[in-house]
Amino acid sequence: MRVHHRVRTGSGSGGVLLLVALVSISGRQVFASGQGPSSAAPPMMAAAEQAVQQVAQQTAQQEVQTPTGPVRRITVDEAVSMAIESNLGIKADRLGPQIQDDALAQARGVFAPNLFTGLTRNSNTNATQSFTQAASDTITNTGFSNTTGIQQRLPWAGGSYDIRWSGARSETTAYSNFNPQLSSSLTFTFQQPLLRNLSTDANRRLVWNTENLRRIADLQLRQSIVSTTRAVRNAYWDLVGAIASQQVAQQSLDLARQSLKDNQTRVEVGTMAPIDIVEAQAEVANNEESVIVAQSRIATAQDALRVLIMNPDQSDFWTTDLEPAEAAELHPVTIDVDKGIAGALTDRTDILTAKRQLDNTAIDVQYYRNQRLPSVDLNLSYGLTGTGGTQFTYGDGIPPPILSQTEKGFGSVLNDVFKRQYPAWTLGFQVGYPIGTSQAEAALAGARLQQTQAETNLKNLELQVAATVRNAGRQVTTNLKRVEATQKARELAERRLDAEQKKFSVGLTSSFIVFQVQRDLAVARFNELAAIIDYNKSLVDFEAVQQAPLR
């Protein structure tokens, strides 16, 4: 498909109209005076005719053919597939779910187990407080310890646990049963809320809300695909309509040129006045302008479709001509508005998004209602320890004499731990309740209002969706009736033109009437084409409005 661009100056077009008006006045004066047509035109008419011919020739010479690139012939479904693959808007919206995946992973990360370890070395020197502590005036304690463990906040019931193993070695200058002393311990701690934070807490609330936001991101991507698909189909039919409009304009131009040629022949044989040639030339010039405008609309429609379906990184992005493989034809489709409304209320993206947002408000209400409860926490800990090193046995006296010493290695210390030689456990409850109006009560009141507002907005949205689907269905029916009416109008315009041409051939009508009828036929053809294009686009809208809101 080649696109031609013609350039005309505004002064040239105005000159044609002015000259036509002058010649028309002159012609009416001549025939009003009773003079018949002759083969020789008056000087003023001849000058006007010559000027009009020069303007028409100048217009024809100013046609410039734009260099074209490769031609790609596509169907409407192929255009949609190209858009889903290459459209930049869809590519950007595809990142939405990925962004929410990262946010969800971050929210869930609080429940991931945390493995920890730590090393400590210490030393301190203090003055001796009693002669029973050490033989010198100072006491120096040194040590080294290591702690390794795992802790986790549980993703259910709000509980948390902490398991840690510790090992240490210490020395002192004071009297001690073990010096150096080796120690080890294994401790398990568990905390469980029994009222507040049992069914929900801040962390789980965040995860649930983020999961809903992840689903909303999917809905937004789906909405973007539906909206882009609709835009592509409408842009495709706009291009089809622009090409067909150019063909209609070209038909009118060809018809005007043929009339001009016939009139020139009649003038040459003396059966027509020269004024009719000027009128025919003006008609040709006007139709040439219509063809130029139609060609420009083709280029504009191509750019609109190209931006939607092609990859801008292609080297031939702006030079590829898109040629529709489907014509502007009428294919009536039976639609079911009630079924469309039911489907839209169930599957439309904005309805589902509103329901997900309503779910989030319900999660907030549940959370703040739970926060109003007293905090009753169960705390449980269980530990095992072992001690070893160099053990001294002291006698009586000050300072006490060392009677004997025994070595107890670290393996023996671990053996004490795993054999539970020295267990210790703790079980306790902690209760708390705010006095007066708490923040949770105020937040709960606000969350309930937001929930009521969201429910009302959802009902209003459902009402608007039903009305929108009904209107889209009405447009389909209306445009189908328009096609039927414009088809009849076009057929009658063709019959009328045929009749006027026959009357003109025998001198029963004027060329002015013939040209007017030609214009009426062009308008009828444009109206029929517009009705068919609008019908196809209304079918696209009726399908899209059941899936997503129309932008």
Protein backbone atom coordinates (compact mmCIF):
# COMPACT_ATOMS: atom_id res chain seq x y z
CA MET A 1 0.00 0.00 0.00
CA ARG A 2 1.40 3.37 -0.99
CA VAL A 3 0.46 6.64 0.61
CA HIS A 4 0.55 9.82 -1.51
CA HIS A 5 0.75 13.27 0.02
CA ARG A 6 -0.39 16.25 -2.03
CA VAL A 7 0.39 19.83 -1.08
CA ARG A 8 -1.83 22.78 -1.98
CA THR A 9 -1.51 26.39 -0.97
CA GLY A 10 -4.42 28.04 0.72
CA SER A 11 -4.34 30.97 -1.75
CA GLY A 12 -4.73 28.59 -4.70
CA SER A 13 -7.85 27.01 -3.25
CA GLY A 14 -9.34 30.40 -2.44
CA GLY A 15 -8.57 31.57 -5.97
CA VAL A 16 -10.48 28.64 -7.45
CA LEU A 17 -13.58 29.42 -5.39
CA LEU A 18 -13.39 33.14 -6.21
CA LEU A 19 -13.03 32.51 -9.94
CA VAL A 20 -15.81 29.95 -9.93
CA ALA A 21 -18.08 32.48 -8.24
CA LEU A 22 -17.20 35.17 -10.79
CA VAL A 23 -17.70 32.85 -13.73
CA SER A 24 -21.00 31.59 -12.33
CA ILE A 25 -22.26 35.16 -12.03
CA SER A 26 -21.09 35.95 -15.55
CA GLY A 27 -22.77 32.80 -16.86
CA ARG A 28 -26.06 33.63 -15.18
CA GLN A 29 -25.91 37.15 -16.66
CA VAL A 30 -25.28 35.79 -20.13
CA PHE A 31 -28.14 33.26 -20.06
CA ALA A 32 -30.42 35.77 -18.33
CA SER A 33 -30.04 38.14 -21.28
CA GLY A 34 -31.43 35.46 -23.58
CA GLN A 35 -28.21 34.47 -25.32
CA GLY A 36 -27.70 30.75 -25.95
CA PRO A 37 -24.51 28.74 -25.52
CA SER A 38 -21.80 29.27 -28.09
CA SER A 39 -18.43 27.72 -28.81
CA ALA A 40 -16.60 30.99 -28.17
CA ALA A 41 -16.60 32.23 -24.57
CA PRO A 42 -16.63 35.95 -23.66
CA PRO A 43 -13.21 37.38 -22.72
CA MET A 44 -13.95 37.43 -18.98
CA MET A 45 -15.16 33.80 -19.04
CA ALA A 46 -12.18 32.68 -21.09
CA ALA A 47 -9.78 34.34 -18.66
CA ALA A 48 -11.54 32.75 -15.71
CA GLU A 49 -11.49 29.33 -17.37
CA GLN A 50 -7.82 29.67 -18.14
CA ALA A 51 -7.04 30.67 -14.54
CA VAL A 52 -8.97 27.72 -13.14
CA GLN A 53 -7.14 25.34 -15.48
CA GLN A 54 -3.79 26.76 -14.36
CA VAL A 55 -4.69 26.29 -10.69
CA ALA A 56 -5.83 22.70 -11.33
CA GLN A 57 -2.65 21.92 -13.25
CA GLN A 58 -0.54 23.47 -10.49
CA THR A 59 -2.35 21.32 -7.93
CA ALA A 60 -1.73 18.15 -9.94
CA GLN A 61 1.95 19.02 -10.35
CA GLN A 62 2.34 19.48 -6.60
CA GLU A 63 1.58 15.81 -5.84
CA VAL A 64 4.56 14.33 -4.04
CA GLN A 65 4.91 10.63 -3.41
CA THR A 66 6.51 9.87 -0.08
CA PRO A 67 9.21 7.17 -0.22
CA THR A 68 7.80 4.00 1.26
CA GLY A 69 9.41 1.11 3.06
CA PRO A 70 8.40 -2.53 3.40
CA VAL A 71 4.71 -3.36 3.38
CA ARG A 72 3.34 -5.61 6.12
CA ARG A 73 -0.09 -7.08 5.53
CA ILE A 74 -1.78 -8.05 8.79
CA THR A 75 -5.14 -9.15 10.12
CA VAL A 76 -6.74 -7.62 13.17
CA ASP A 77 -5.86 -10.68 15.29
CA GLU A 78 -2.24 -10.50 14.14
CA ALA A 79 -2.18 -6.84 15.12
CA VAL A 80 -3.40 -7.75 18.61
CA SER A 81 -0.72 -10.44 18.96
CA MET A 82 1.98 -7.99 17.91
CA ALA A 83 0.74 -5.47 20.47
CA ILE A 84 0.76 -7.97 23.32
CA GLU A 85 4.36 -8.79 22.46
CA SER A 86 5.74 -5.32 21.66
CA ASN A 87 3.51 -2.64 23.21
CA LEU A 88 5.52 -0.54 25.65
CA GLY A 89 2.54 0.09 27.91
CA ILE A 90 1.97 -3.64 28.38
CA LYS A 91 5.69 -4.18 28.96
CA ALA A 92 5.64 -1.57 31.71
CA ASP A 93 2.50 -3.03 33.30
CA ARG A 94 4.06 -6.51 33.28
CA LEU A 95 6.52 -5.20 35.87
CA GLY A 96 3.67 -4.51 38.31
CA PRO A 97 3.18 -8.14 39.40
CA GLN A 98 6.95 -8.59 39.68
CA ILE A 99 7.19 -5.52 41.90
CA GLN A 100 4.42 -6.90 44.11
CA ASP A 101 6.18 -10.28 44.21
CA ASP A 102 9.20 -8.52 45.71
CA ALA A 103 6.96 -6.66 48.17
CA LEU A 104 5.28 -9.94 49.15
CA ALA A 105 8.64 -11.66 49.62
CA GLN A 106 9.71 -8.76 51.81
CA ALA A 107 6.52 -9.03 53.90
CA ARG A 108 6.95 -12.78 54.31
CA GLY A 109 10.62 -12.37 55.15
CA VAL A 110 9.75 -11.53 58.74
CA PHE A 111 8.77 -15.18 59.23
CA ALA A 112 12.02 -16.58 57.87
CA PRO A 113 14.22 -18.43 60.41
CA ASN A 114 17.19 -16.40 61.57
CA LEU A 115 20.44 -18.23 62.24
CA PHE A 116 22.83 -16.32 64.48
CA THR A 117 26.19 -16.76 66.12
CA GLY A 118 28.43 -14.60 68.29
CA LEU A 119 31.89 -14.62 69.80
CA THR A 120 32.84 -12.73 72.97
CA ARG A 121 36.12 -12.26 74.80
CA ASN A 122 36.20 -10.36 78.07
CA SER A 123 38.54 -9.32 80.86
CA ASN A 124 37.99 -7.30 84.02
CA THR A 125 40.02 -6.51 87.15
CA ASN A 126 38.43 -5.53 90.47
CA ALA A 127 39.67 -4.85 93.97
CA THR A 128 39.33 -7.68 96.43
CA GLN A 129 36.42 -7.08 98.78
CA SER A 130 37.30 -9.84 101.26
CA PHE A 131 40.34 -11.88 102.17
CA THR A 132 38.23 -14.96 101.45
CA GLN A 133 38.00 -14.05 97.77
CA ALA A 134 41.67 -14.18 96.81
CA ALA A 135 45.16 -14.09 98.15
CA SER A 136 46.01 -10.79 96.38
CA ASP A 137 44.54 -7.31 96.49
CA THR A 138 42.96 -7.61 93.04
CA ILE A 139 40.86 -10.14 91.19
CA THR A 140 41.20 -10.58 87.43
CA ASN A 141 38.59 -12.44 85.42
CA THR A 142 39.10 -13.36 81.76
CA GLY A 143 36.89 -15.36 79.48
CA PHE A 144 35.84 -16.40 76.01
CA SER A 145 32.35 -17.44 74.95
CA ASN A 146 30.46 -18.46 71.81
CA THR A 147 26.70 -18.49 71.19
CA THR A 148 24.98 -20.05 68.17
CA GLY A 149 21.29 -20.47 67.62
CA ILE A 150 18.17 -20.06 65.54
CA GLN A 151 15.08 -17.98 66.13
CA GLN A 152 11.88 -17.54 64.18
CA ARG A 153 8.59 -15.72 64.30
CA LEU A 154 5.97 -18.31 63.35
CA PRO A 155 3.60 -17.47 60.46
CA TRP A 156 0.60 -18.84 62.36
CA ALA A 157 -0.90 -18.05 65.78
CA GLY A 158 1.63 -15.27 66.42
CA GLY A 159 4.14 -17.42 68.32
CA SER A 160 7.92 -17.24 68.28
CA TYR A 161 10.78 -19.44 69.47
CA ASP A 162 14.47 -19.12 70.21
CA ILE A 163 16.92 -22.04 70.41
CA ARG A 164 20.52 -21.30 71.30
CA TRP A 165 23.63 -23.22 72.33
CA SER A 166 26.41 -21.54 74.27
CA GLY A 167 29.95 -22.57 75.20
CA ALA A 168 32.38 -20.61 77.39
CA ARG A 169 35.82 -20.78 79.03
CA SER A 170 36.76 -18.47 81.92
CA GLU A 171 39.68 -17.97 84.31
CA THR A 172 39.99 -16.00 87.54
CA THR A 173 42.60 -15.15 90.16
CA ALA A 174 40.00 -15.58 92.90
CA TYR A 175 39.29 -18.79 94.71
CA SER A 176 37.03 -20.93 92.50
CA ASN A 177 36.02 -24.55 92.37
CA PHE A 178 36.73 -24.57 88.61
CA ASN A 179 39.67 -22.64 87.24
CA PRO A 180 39.75 -22.48 84.30
CA GLN A 181 36.03 -23.23 84.02
CA LEU A 182 34.35 -24.74 80.97
CA SER A 183 30.59 -24.36 80.58
CA SER A 184 27.91 -25.12 78.02
CA SER A 185 24.16 -24.61 77.85
CA LEU A 186 21.25 -25.40 75.53
CA THR A 187 18.20 -23.15 75.92
CA PHE A 188 14.77 -23.25 74.29
CA THR A 189 12.39 -20.28 74.68
CA PHE A 190 8.84 -20.09 73.33
CA GLN A 191 6.37 -17.21 73.49
CA GLN A 192 2.73 -17.56 72.47
CA PRO A 193 0.00 -14.86 72.59
CA LEU A 194 -3.34 -16.22 73.80
CA LEU A 195 -5.68 -13.28 73.00
CA ARG A 196 -4.21 -10.22 71.32
CA ASN A 197 -2.13 -11.15 68.22
CA LEU A 198 -3.42 -14.75 68.28
CA SER A 199 -5.64 -14.73 65.17
CA THR A 200 -3.92 -11.79 63.49
CA ASP A 201 -1.04 -9.44 64.08
CA ALA A 202 0.78 -6.66 62.25
CA ASN A 203 3.03 -9.01 60.31
CA ARG A 204 0.28 -11.32 59.08
CA ARG A 205 -1.93 -8.33 58.27
CA LEU A 206 0.85 -6.94 56.07
CA VAL A 207 1.27 -10.28 54.29
CA TRP A 208 -2.46 -10.65 53.63
CA ASN A 209 -2.77 -7.09 52.35
CA THR A 210 0.26 -7.55 50.12
CA GLU A 211 -1.17 -10.78 48.72
CA ASN A 212 -4.29 -8.86 47.73
CA LEU A 213 -2.16 -6.13 46.18
CA ARG A 214 -0.37 -8.85 44.19
CA ARG A 215 -3.73 -10.06 42.86
CA ILE A 216 -4.68 -6.47 42.05
CA ALA A 217 -1.44 -6.11 40.06
CA ASP A 218 -2.49 -9.13 37.99
CA LEU A 219 -5.87 -7.50 37.41
CA GLN A 220 -4.20 -4.25 36.36
CA LEU A 221 -2.03 -6.13 33.87
CA ARG A 222 -5.11 -7.88 32.51
CA GLN A 223 -6.89 -4.52 32.28
CA SER A 224 -3.93 -3.07 30.40
CA ILE A 225 -4.01 -5.96 27.92
CA VAL A 226 -7.77 -5.59 27.41
CA SER A 227 -7.50 -1.81 26.96
CA THR A 228 -4.59 -2.14 24.55
CA THR A 229 -6.39 -4.86 22.61
CA ARG A 230 -9.42 -2.61 22.28
CA ALA A 231 -7.23 0.30 21.19
CA VAL A 232 -5.48 -1.88 18.61
CA ARG A 233 -8.73 -3.20 17.15
CA ASN A 234 -10.21 0.29 16.98
CA ALA A 235 -7.01 1.69 15.43
CA TYR A 236 -7.07 -1.16 12.91
CA TRP A 237 -10.63 -0.35 11.89
CA ASP A 238 -9.76 3.36 11.78
CA LEU A 239 -7.01 2.51 9.29
CA VAL A 240 -9.40 0.34 7.29
CA GLY A 241 -11.89 3.20 7.30
CA ALA A 242 -9.25 5.74 6.28
CA ILE A 243 -8.18 3.57 3.34
CA ALA A 244 -11.79 3.00 2.30
CA SER A 245 -12.51 6.73 2.66
CA GLN A 246 -9.59 7.46 0.36
CA GLN A 247 -11.02 4.99 -2.15
CA VAL A 248 -14.42 6.70 -1.97
CA ALA A 249 -12.76 10.07 -2.41
CA GLN A 250 -10.82 8.69 -5.37
CA GLN A 251 -14.05 7.36 -6.90
CA SER A 252 -15.59 10.82 -6.60
CA LEU A 253 -12.48 12.34 -8.17
CA ASP A 254 -12.56 9.85 -11.05
CA LEU A 255 -16.24 10.59 -11.56
CA ALA A 256 -15.57 14.35 -11.59
CA ARG A 257 -12.71 13.92 -14.04
CA GLN A 258 -14.90 11.84 -16.32
CA SER A 259 -17.58 14.54 -16.17
CA LEU A 260 -14.95 17.16 -17.03
CA LYS A 261 -13.79 15.10 -19.98
CA ASP A 262 -17.36 14.62 -21.23
CA ASN A 263 -18.12 18.33 -20.83
CA GLN A 264 -15.00 19.28 -22.77
CA THR A 265 -16.18 17.06 -25.58
CA ARG A 266 -19.64 18.69 -25.53
CA VAL A 267 -18.10 22.18 -25.59
CA GLU A 268 -15.97 21.23 -28.56
CA VAL A 269 -19.03 20.14 -30.52
CA GLY A 270 -20.98 23.22 -29.37
CA THR A 271 -23.64 21.53 -27.25
CA MET A 272 -22.50 22.98 -23.89
CA ALA A 273 -21.46 26.35 -22.57
CA PRO A 274 -17.86 26.86 -21.39
CA ILE A 275 -19.18 27.73 -17.94
CA ASP A 276 -19.89 24.03 -17.43
CA ILE A 277 -16.21 23.23 -18.03
CA VAL A 278 -15.18 25.71 -15.34
CA GLU A 279 -17.67 24.19 -12.95
CA ALA A 280 -16.38 20.70 -13.70
CA GLN A 281 -12.79 21.84 -13.20
CA ALA A 282 -13.70 23.32 -9.83
CA GLU A 283 -15.37 20.04 -8.90
CA VAL A 284 -12.20 18.14 -9.83
CA ALA A 285 -10.09 20.51 -7.72
CA ASN A 286 -12.37 20.06 -4.70
CA ASN A 287 -12.28 16.28 -5.03
CA GLU A 288 -8.50 16.34 -5.34
CA GLU A 289 -8.40 18.12 -1.99
CA SER A 290 -10.61 15.39 -0.51
CA VAL A 291 -8.20 12.74 -1.79
CA ILE A 292 -5.25 14.62 -0.27
CA VAL A 293 -6.99 14.86 3.10
CA ALA A 294 -7.94 11.16 2.94
CA GLN A 295 -4.33 10.21 2.21
CA SER A 296 -3.18 12.24 5.20
CA ARG A 297 -5.70 10.42 7.39
CA ILE A 298 -4.28 7.11 6.22
CA ALA A 299 -0.79 8.17 7.34
CA THR A 300 -2.17 9.35 10.69
CA ALA A 301 -4.09 6.09 11.21
CA GLN A 302 -0.99 4.09 10.30
CA ASP A 303 1.07 5.95 12.90
CA ALA A 304 -1.59 5.36 15.55
CA LEU A 305 -1.61 1.61 14.84
CA ARG A 306 2.16 1.44 14.47
CA VAL A 307 2.74 2.93 17.92
CA LEU A 308 0.43 0.34 19.45
CA ILE A 309 1.72 -2.84 17.81
CA MET A 310 5.31 -2.39 16.67
CA ASN A 311 8.60 -2.43 18.53
CA PRO A 312 10.12 1.07 18.40
CA ASP A 313 13.60 -0.46 18.40
CA GLN A 314 13.05 -1.74 14.86
CA SER A 315 15.06 0.15 12.26
CA ASP A 316 12.05 0.27 9.90
CA PHE A 317 9.60 1.34 12.61
CA TRP A 318 8.51 4.56 10.86
CA THR A 319 8.93 3.36 7.27
CA THR A 320 6.94 0.12 7.36
CA ASP A 321 3.54 0.44 5.69
CA LEU A 322 0.82 -1.45 7.54
CA GLU A 323 -1.73 -2.87 5.15
CA PRO A 324 -4.95 -4.30 6.63
CA ALA A 325 -5.85 -7.72 5.31
CA GLU A 326 -9.50 -7.25 6.29
CA ALA A 327 -11.94 -4.92 4.60
CA ALA A 328 -14.70 -2.75 6.01
CA GLU A 329 -17.50 -5.29 5.69
CA LEU A 330 -20.64 -5.85 7.67
CA HIS A 331 -20.85 -9.07 9.66
CA PRO A 332 -23.91 -8.82 11.93
CA VAL A 333 -23.50 -10.45 15.33
CA THR A 334 -26.24 -11.32 17.79
CA ILE A 335 -25.47 -9.94 21.25
CA ASP A 336 -26.95 -10.77 24.64
CA VAL A 337 -26.88 -7.69 26.86
CA ASP A 338 -28.16 -9.46 29.99
CA LYS A 339 -25.48 -12.12 29.67
CA GLY A 340 -22.90 -9.41 29.09
CA ILE A 341 -23.96 -7.60 32.28
CA ALA A 342 -23.77 -10.81 34.32
CA GLY A 343 -20.30 -11.55 32.95
CA ALA A 344 -19.08 -8.02 33.60
CA LEU A 345 -20.29 -8.07 37.21
CA THR A 346 -18.39 -11.33 37.72
CA ASP A 347 -15.18 -10.89 35.74
CA ARG A 348 -14.56 -7.18 35.06
CA THR A 349 -11.20 -6.04 36.32
CA ASP A 350 -12.42 -2.96 38.15
CA ILE A 351 -15.13 -5.02 39.93
CA LEU A 352 -12.56 -7.61 41.01
CA THR A 353 -10.14 -4.87 42.05
CA ALA A 354 -12.80 -3.23 44.20
CA LYS A 355 -13.55 -6.58 45.83
CA ARG A 356 -9.86 -7.10 46.63
CA GLN A 357 -9.69 -3.64 48.14
CA LEU A 358 -12.77 -4.49 50.18
CA ASP A 359 -10.95 -7.61 51.38
CA ASN A 360 -8.11 -5.40 52.59
CA THR A 361 -10.48 -3.24 54.60
CA ALA A 362 -11.94 -6.41 56.14
CA ILE A 363 -8.42 -7.51 57.09
CA ASP A 364 -7.85 -4.12 58.74
CA VAL A 365 -11.14 -4.40 60.68
CA GLN A 366 -10.17 -7.89 61.86
CA TYR A 367 -6.73 -6.66 62.94
CA TYR A 368 -7.92 -3.63 64.90
CA ARG A 369 -10.72 -5.62 66.53
CA ASN A 370 -8.11 -8.10 67.74
CA GLN A 371 -5.88 -5.31 69.03
CA ARG A 372 -8.62 -4.23 71.43
CA LEU A 373 -8.26 -7.51 73.37
CA PRO A 374 -6.05 -7.80 76.46
CA SER A 375 -2.56 -9.08 75.86
CA VAL A 376 -2.15 -12.49 77.49
CA ASP A 377 1.17 -14.10 76.60
CA LEU A 378 2.47 -17.52 77.51
CA ASN A 379 6.24 -17.63 78.15
CA LEU A 380 8.00 -20.97 78.31
CA SER A 381 11.71 -21.66 78.62
CA TYR A 382 13.69 -24.84 79.14
CA GLY A 383 17.46 -25.05 79.57
CA LEU A 384 20.22 -27.59 80.07
CA THR A 385 23.69 -26.78 81.39
CA GLY A 386 27.02 -28.48 81.96
CA THR A 387 30.16 -27.35 83.79
CA GLY A 388 33.77 -28.59 83.68
CA GLY A 389 37.37 -27.57 83.57
CA THR A 390 39.98 -27.93 86.32
CA GLN A 391 38.15 -28.68 89.55
CA PHE A 392 39.92 -27.97 92.85
CA THR A 393 39.28 -29.47 96.27
CA TYR A 394 40.18 -27.00 99.05
CA GLY A 395 41.01 -27.70 102.67
CA ASP A 396 40.41 -25.60 105.74
CA GLY A 397 42.30 -22.45 106.42
CA ILE A 398 42.86 -18.98 105.00
CA PRO A 399 43.91 -19.03 102.29
CA PRO A 400 42.47 -22.53 101.81
CA PRO A 401 45.00 -25.10 100.71
CA ILE A 402 44.41 -27.09 97.54
CA LEU A 403 44.00 -30.71 98.47
CA SER A 404 43.45 -32.13 94.98
CA GLN A 405 42.37 -31.23 91.44
CA THR A 406 40.43 -33.06 88.77
CA GLU A 407 40.33 -32.40 85.04
CA LYS A 408 36.87 -32.45 83.43
CA GLY A 409 37.09 -31.84 79.68
CA PHE A 410 34.59 -30.17 77.35
CA GLY A 411 33.31 -33.56 76.19
CA SER A 412 32.21 -34.26 79.74
CA VAL A 413 30.51 -30.87 79.81
CA LEU A 414 28.53 -31.69 76.67
CA ASN A 415 27.66 -35.07 78.12
CA ASP A 416 26.07 -33.32 81.11
CA VAL A 417 23.99 -31.21 78.71
CA PHE A 418 22.68 -33.99 76.53
CA LYS A 419 22.03 -36.26 79.50
CA ARG A 420 20.04 -33.42 81.11
CA GLN A 421 22.05 -33.51 84.32
CA TYR A 422 21.12 -29.94 85.26
CA PRO A 423 17.74 -28.98 83.74
CA ALA A 424 15.92 -25.71 84.37
CA TRP A 425 12.52 -24.52 83.17
CA THR A 426 10.25 -21.54 83.49
CA LEU A 427 6.54 -21.16 82.74
CA GLY A 428 4.80 -17.83 83.08
CA PHE A 429 1.96 -15.61 81.88
CA GLN A 430 2.04 -11.91 81.21
CA VAL A 431 -1.19 -9.87 81.05
CA GLY A 432 -1.70 -6.30 79.91
CA TYR A 433 -4.74 -4.12 79.20
CA PRO A 434 -4.86 -0.40 78.31
CA ILE A 435 -6.82 1.94 80.55
CA GLY A 436 -9.21 4.28 78.72
CA THR A 437 -9.68 4.67 74.96
CA SER A 438 -6.94 2.87 73.12
CA GLN A 439 -5.46 3.60 69.72
CA ALA A 440 -6.91 0.31 68.50
CA GLU A 441 -10.46 1.46 69.22
CA ALA A 442 -10.02 4.65 67.23
CA ALA A 443 -8.36 2.74 64.40
CA LEU A 444 -11.17 0.17 64.42
CA ALA A 445 -13.80 2.89 64.09
CA GLY A 446 -11.95 4.34 61.10
CA ALA A 447 -11.51 0.91 59.50
CA ARG A 448 -15.22 0.17 59.83
CA LEU A 449 -16.09 3.45 58.12
CA GLN A 450 -13.67 2.63 55.31
CA GLN A 451 -15.27 -0.80 54.96
CA THR A 452 -18.74 0.74 54.68
CA GLN A 453 -17.44 3.23 52.15
CA ALA A 454 -15.82 0.47 50.09
CA GLU A 455 -19.04 -1.57 50.10
CA THR A 456 -21.03 1.45 48.93
CA ASN A 457 -18.49 2.22 46.21
CA LEU A 458 -18.67 -1.38 45.02
CA LYS A 459 -22.47 -1.22 44.72
CA ASN A 460 -22.20 2.05 42.83
CA LEU A 461 -19.54 0.59 40.55
CA GLU A 462 -21.72 -2.44 39.79
CA LEU A 463 -24.57 -0.11 38.87
CA GLN A 464 -22.30 1.93 36.59
CA VAL A 465 -20.93 -1.22 34.96
CA ALA A 466 -24.43 -2.48 34.20
CA ALA A 467 -25.33 0.88 32.64
CA THR A 468 -22.11 0.93 30.62
CA VAL A 469 -22.69 -2.57 29.22
CA ARG A 470 -26.28 -1.67 28.33
CA ASN A 471 -25.08 1.44 26.53
CA ALA A 472 -22.41 -0.53 24.65
CA GLY A 473 -25.04 -3.05 23.56
CA ARG A 474 -27.33 -0.20 22.50
CA GLN A 475 -24.54 1.25 20.38
CA VAL A 476 -24.14 -2.06 18.57
CA THR A 477 -27.86 -2.17 17.75
CA THR A 478 -27.92 1.51 16.75
CA ASN A 479 -24.91 1.21 14.46
CA LEU A 480 -26.37 -1.86 12.78
CA LYS A 481 -29.52 0.12 12.02
CA ARG A 482 -27.34 2.97 10.77
CA VAL A 483 -25.62 0.60 8.35
CA GLU A 484 -28.96 -0.58 7.00
CA ALA A 485 -30.20 3.00 6.61
CA THR A 486 -27.01 4.29 4.98
CA GLN A 487 -26.95 1.35 2.59
CA LYS A 488 -30.41 2.28 1.36
CA ALA A 489 -29.39 5.94 1.12
CA ARG A 490 -26.30 5.02 -0.91
CA GLU A 491 -28.32 2.80 -3.27
CA LEU A 492 -30.85 5.59 -3.82
CA ALA A 493 -28.04 8.10 -4.39
CA GLU A 494 -26.52 5.82 -7.04
CA ARG A 495 -29.90 5.46 -8.76
CA ARG A 496 -30.46 9.21 -8.60
CA LEU A 497 -27.03 9.92 -10.13
CA ASP A 498 -27.71 7.46 -12.91
CA ALA A 499 -31.03 9.17 -13.62
CA GLU A 500 -29.50 12.68 -13.56
CA GLN A 501 -26.72 11.63 -15.92
CA LYS A 502 -29.27 10.28 -18.37
CA LYS A 503 -31.29 13.51 -18.11
CA PHE A 504 -28.10 15.55 -18.56
CA SER A 505 -27.21 13.61 -21.71
CA VAL A 506 -30.48 14.72 -23.34
CA GLY A 507 -30.33 18.27 -21.98
CA LEU A 508 -33.03 17.99 -19.33
CA THR A 509 -30.82 19.09 -16.43
CA SER A 510 -27.70 21.13 -15.76
CA SER A 511 -24.17 20.09 -14.86
CA PHE A 512 -24.62 21.89 -11.54
CA ILE A 513 -27.37 19.43 -10.58
CA VAL A 514 -25.24 16.50 -11.73
CA PHE A 515 -22.30 17.62 -9.61
CA GLN A 516 -24.58 18.17 -6.63
CA VAL A 517 -25.90 14.62 -7.02
CA GLN A 518 -22.32 13.35 -7.29
CA ARG A 519 -21.53 15.08 -4.02
CA ASP A 520 -24.61 13.55 -2.44
CA LEU A 521 -23.47 10.10 -3.59
CA ALA A 522 -20.00 10.69 -2.08
CA VAL A 523 -21.59 11.74 1.21
CA ALA A 524 -23.82 8.64 1.15
CA ARG A 525 -20.83 6.39 0.54
CA PHE A 526 -18.89 8.07 3.37
CA ASN A 527 -21.88 7.69 5.70
CA GLU A 528 -22.23 3.99 4.88
CA LEU A 529 -18.52 3.43 5.41
CA ALA A 530 -18.57 5.33 8.71
CA ALA A 531 -21.56 3.31 9.91
CA ILE A 532 -19.82 0.00 9.11
CA ILE A 533 -16.62 1.10 10.84
CA ASP A 534 -18.60 2.34 13.85
CA TYR A 535 -20.47 -0.97 13.99
CA ASN A 536 -17.24 -2.97 14.03
CA LYS A 537 -15.79 -0.67 16.70
CA SER A 538 -18.96 -0.93 18.79
CA LEU A 539 -18.60 -4.72 18.73
CA VAL A 540 -15.04 -4.29 19.98
CA ASP A 541 -16.27 -1.99 22.76
CA PHE A 542 -19.09 -4.35 23.74
CA GLU A 543 -16.62 -7.19 24.14
CA ALA A 544 -14.06 -5.06 25.98
CA VAL A 545 -16.53 -3.41 28.36
CA GLN A 546 -17.39 -6.82 29.81
CA GLN A 547 -13.74 -7.33 30.80
CA ALA A 548 -12.38 -3.93 31.75
CA PRO A 549 -13.43 -0.27 31.95
CA LEU A 550 -13.14 1.67 28.71
CA ARG A 551 -10.68 4.55 28.86
